[in-house]
Amino acid sequence: MVFIKRIDEPDFGCEGVPDNTVITDRVTFVINNEEQILDIPEKVIWSFKLDENMEISAELYNKILELIKL
């Protein structure tokens, strides 16, 4: 299993999100007691309903890696 330790969303301040920007969140995973930090588009996070303190399967983790092309 893969544990989602933390999801950090970007802060664009009062200017808001720049046009044509893909919003990515920094996600900290724990795999075999080691942290792995990835920048993942918010749309991917939302589509899989990922949240902090959640366990996901290795299969789902690999699917996410494929979607973000790592």
N, C-alpha and C. Protein backbone atom coordinates (compact mmCIF):
# COMPACT_ATOMS: atom_id res chain seq x y z
N MET A 1 0.83 -1.19 0.00
CA MET A 1 0.00 0.00 0.00
C MET A 1 0.87 1.25 0.00
N VAL A 2 0.28 2.32 -0.51
CA VAL A 2 0.95 3.62 -0.58
C VAL A 2 0.12 4.60 0.25
N PHE A 3 0.78 5.34 1.12
CA PHE A 3 0.11 6.27 2.02
C PHE A 3 0.31 7.70 1.52
N ILE A 4 -0.78 8.47 1.47
CA ILE A 4 -0.71 9.88 1.10
C ILE A 4 -0.59 10.67 2.39
N LYS A 5 0.59 11.20 2.63
CA LYS A 5 0.88 11.91 3.88
C LYS A 5 0.37 13.35 3.84
N ARG A 6 0.58 14.01 2.69
CA ARG A 6 0.27 15.44 2.63
C ARG A 6 -0.01 15.87 1.20
N ILE A 7 -0.92 16.84 1.05
CA ILE A 7 -1.19 17.46 -0.25
C ILE A 7 -1.11 18.97 -0.05
N ASP A 8 -0.16 19.60 -0.73
CA ASP A 8 0.02 21.05 -0.64
C ASP A 8 -0.47 21.71 -1.93
N GLU A 9 -1.42 22.61 -1.78
CA GLU A 9 -1.95 23.34 -2.93
C GLU A 9 -1.18 24.64 -3.11
N PRO A 10 -1.00 25.07 -4.37
CA PRO A 10 -0.27 26.32 -4.60
C PRO A 10 -1.09 27.53 -4.15
N ASP A 11 -0.38 28.60 -3.81
CA ASP A 11 -1.03 29.85 -3.41
C ASP A 11 -0.68 30.90 -4.45
N PHE A 12 -1.68 31.32 -5.21
CA PHE A 12 -1.46 32.30 -6.26
C PHE A 12 -1.72 33.73 -5.79
N GLY A 13 -2.01 33.88 -4.51
CA GLY A 13 -2.24 35.21 -3.96
C GLY A 13 -3.44 35.90 -4.58
N CYS A 14 -3.48 37.21 -4.47
CA CYS A 14 -4.64 37.96 -4.95
C CYS A 14 -4.66 38.06 -6.47
N GLU A 15 -3.54 37.74 -7.14
CA GLU A 15 -3.52 37.82 -8.61
C GLU A 15 -4.32 36.68 -9.24
N GLY A 16 -4.50 35.61 -8.53
CA GLY A 16 -5.23 34.46 -9.06
C GLY A 16 -4.34 33.61 -9.95
N VAL A 17 -4.93 32.58 -10.50
CA VAL A 17 -4.21 31.64 -11.35
C VAL A 17 -3.91 32.29 -12.70
N PRO A 18 -2.65 32.28 -13.14
CA PRO A 18 -2.34 32.82 -14.47
C PRO A 18 -3.07 32.03 -15.56
N ASP A 19 -3.41 32.72 -16.64
CA ASP A 19 -4.10 32.08 -17.75
C ASP A 19 -3.28 30.91 -18.29
N ASN A 20 -3.98 29.89 -18.76
CA ASN A 20 -3.38 28.71 -19.39
C ASN A 20 -2.37 27.99 -18.49
N THR A 21 -2.61 28.02 -17.20
CA THR A 21 -1.74 27.35 -16.24
C THR A 21 -2.40 26.07 -15.75
N VAL A 22 -1.65 24.98 -15.80
CA VAL A 22 -2.13 23.73 -15.23
C VAL A 22 -1.78 23.78 -13.74
N ILE A 23 -2.79 23.73 -12.90
CA ILE A 23 -2.58 23.81 -11.46
C ILE A 23 -2.13 22.44 -10.97
N THR A 24 -0.98 22.42 -10.28
CA THR A 24 -0.48 21.17 -9.72
C THR A 24 -0.33 21.31 -8.21
N ASP A 25 -0.58 20.24 -7.52
CA ASP A 25 -0.40 20.17 -6.08
C ASP A 25 0.83 19.32 -5.81
N ARG A 26 1.53 19.62 -4.74
CA ARG A 26 2.68 18.82 -4.32
C ARG A 26 2.16 17.76 -3.35
N VAL A 27 2.31 16.50 -3.72
CA VAL A 27 1.78 15.39 -2.94
C VAL A 27 2.94 14.58 -2.36
N THR A 28 2.88 14.36 -1.05
CA THR A 28 3.89 13.57 -0.37
C THR A 28 3.32 12.18 -0.10
N PHE A 29 3.93 11.18 -0.73
CA PHE A 29 3.56 9.79 -0.54
C PHE A 29 4.58 9.14 0.38
N VAL A 30 4.16 8.11 1.11
CA VAL A 30 5.08 7.28 1.88
C VAL A 30 4.96 5.87 1.34
N ILE A 31 6.11 5.39 0.84
CA ILE A 31 6.18 4.05 0.25
C ILE A 31 7.34 3.33 0.91
N ASN A 32 7.06 2.22 1.55
CA ASN A 32 8.11 1.45 2.26
C ASN A 32 8.92 2.35 3.19
N ASN A 33 8.22 3.17 3.96
CA ASN A 33 8.83 4.07 4.95
C ASN A 33 9.71 5.17 4.35
N GLU A 34 9.60 5.40 3.04
CA GLU A 34 10.34 6.48 2.39
C GLU A 34 9.37 7.44 1.74
N GLU A 35 9.66 8.74 1.88
CA GLU A 35 8.80 9.75 1.28
C GLU A 35 9.15 9.96 -0.19
N GLN A 36 8.11 10.12 -0.98
CA GLN A 36 8.24 10.43 -2.41
C GLN A 36 7.35 11.64 -2.66
N ILE A 37 7.91 12.74 -3.15
CA ILE A 37 7.13 13.96 -3.39
C ILE A 37 6.97 14.15 -4.89
N LEU A 38 5.71 14.30 -5.32
CA LEU A 38 5.41 14.48 -6.73
C LEU A 38 4.50 15.68 -6.92
N ASP A 39 4.68 16.38 -8.05
CA ASP A 39 3.75 17.43 -8.45
C ASP A 39 2.73 16.80 -9.37
N ILE A 40 1.46 16.85 -8.95
CA ILE A 40 0.38 16.17 -9.66
C ILE A 40 -0.70 17.19 -10.00
N PRO A 41 -1.16 17.21 -11.26
CA PRO A 41 -2.25 18.13 -11.61
C PRO A 41 -3.47 17.90 -10.72
N GLU A 42 -4.09 19.02 -10.30
CA GLU A 42 -5.27 18.92 -9.44
C GLU A 42 -6.37 18.07 -10.06
N LYS A 43 -6.53 18.13 -11.38
CA LYS A 43 -7.58 17.35 -12.03
C LYS A 43 -7.38 15.85 -11.80
N VAL A 44 -6.12 15.42 -11.76
CA VAL A 44 -5.82 14.00 -11.50
C VAL A 44 -6.17 13.67 -10.05
N ILE A 45 -5.79 14.56 -9.13
CA ILE A 45 -6.09 14.35 -7.71
C ILE A 45 -7.59 14.25 -7.50
N TRP A 46 -8.33 15.16 -8.12
CA TRP A 46 -9.79 15.15 -7.97
C TRP A 46 -10.42 13.92 -8.62
N SER A 47 -9.92 13.52 -9.79
CA SER A 47 -10.54 12.40 -10.49
C SER A 47 -10.41 11.09 -9.71
N PHE A 48 -9.33 10.94 -8.93
CA PHE A 48 -9.15 9.74 -8.11
C PHE A 48 -9.58 9.95 -6.67
N LYS A 49 -10.11 11.16 -6.37
CA LYS A 49 -10.59 11.49 -5.02
C LYS A 49 -9.50 11.24 -3.97
N LEU A 50 -8.28 11.69 -4.28
CA LEU A 50 -7.17 11.51 -3.36
C LEU A 50 -7.26 12.53 -2.23
N ASP A 51 -6.85 12.12 -1.05
CA ASP A 51 -6.89 13.01 0.11
C ASP A 51 -5.76 12.64 1.06
N GLU A 52 -5.42 13.57 1.94
CA GLU A 52 -4.39 13.32 2.94
C GLU A 52 -4.82 12.19 3.87
N ASN A 53 -3.83 11.48 4.40
CA ASN A 53 -4.05 10.37 5.34
C ASN A 53 -4.86 9.24 4.72
N MET A 54 -4.66 9.03 3.45
CA MET A 54 -5.39 8.01 2.70
C MET A 54 -4.40 6.97 2.19
N GLU A 55 -4.79 5.71 2.20
CA GLU A 55 -3.98 4.66 1.60
C GLU A 55 -4.55 4.31 0.24
N ILE A 56 -3.65 4.14 -0.73
CA ILE A 56 -4.07 3.72 -2.07
C ILE A 56 -3.25 2.49 -2.45
N SER A 57 -3.73 1.78 -3.43
CA SER A 57 -3.01 0.58 -3.87
C SER A 57 -1.80 0.98 -4.71
N ALA A 58 -0.85 0.07 -4.78
CA ALA A 58 0.32 0.29 -5.64
C ALA A 58 -0.12 0.41 -7.09
N GLU A 59 -1.16 -0.31 -7.45
CA GLU A 59 -1.70 -0.25 -8.81
C GLU A 59 -2.19 1.17 -9.15
N LEU A 60 -2.94 1.77 -8.23
CA LEU A 60 -3.42 3.14 -8.45
C LEU A 60 -2.25 4.12 -8.49
N TYR A 61 -1.28 3.95 -7.62
CA TYR A 61 -0.10 4.81 -7.61
C TYR A 61 0.61 4.74 -8.97
N ASN A 62 0.77 3.54 -9.50
CA ASN A 62 1.42 3.37 -10.80
C ASN A 62 0.60 4.00 -11.92
N LYS A 63 -0.71 3.92 -11.82
CA LYS A 63 -1.58 4.55 -12.81
C LYS A 63 -1.39 6.07 -12.78
N ILE A 64 -1.28 6.63 -11.59
CA ILE A 64 -1.04 8.08 -11.44
C ILE A 64 0.30 8.44 -12.08
N LEU A 65 1.32 7.64 -11.82
CA LEU A 65 2.64 7.90 -12.41
C LEU A 65 2.56 7.89 -13.93
N GLU A 66 1.81 6.98 -14.50
CA GLU A 66 1.64 6.91 -15.95
C GLU A 66 0.97 8.19 -16.47
N LEU A 67 -0.05 8.66 -15.75
CA LEU A 67 -0.77 9.86 -16.19
C LEU A 67 0.09 11.11 -16.16
N ILE A 68 1.02 11.16 -15.20
CA ILE A 68 1.87 12.36 -15.12
C ILE A 68 3.20 12.12 -15.84
N LYS A 69 3.33 10.97 -16.47
CA LYS A 69 4.48 10.64 -17.31
C LYS A 69 5.81 10.61 -16.57
N LEU A 70 5.86 9.90 -15.44
CA LEU A 70 7.13 9.72 -14.72
C LEU A 70 7.67 8.33 -14.93
